[in-house]
Amino acid sequence: MGPEQRGQGSPLGVGEPLLPLLLAQDVLEDQEERQLRLGAWIGNQRSRAATLSPERVEQLSAIGMRWS
């Protein structure tokens, strides 16, 4: 099963409707506030699926990543 088939029907990154690309969350990191753009990160992971290690694909799939 390839990345494009894993995690279908799961909630991470896409709900109804799809997770907005610009969805952001303010987080405190190293005593600095910054914005994490979850939608953009998920899109980047999907676009790089062919180059991700099998372990990374498995980790993301295990938490519900939808690859398509």
Foldseek 3Di string as FASTA:
>chain_A
DALQPFLPPFDPQADVHGDDQQDWDWDQDPNDTDIDRRSVVLVVCLVCRVVDDPVVSVVCSVNRRNND
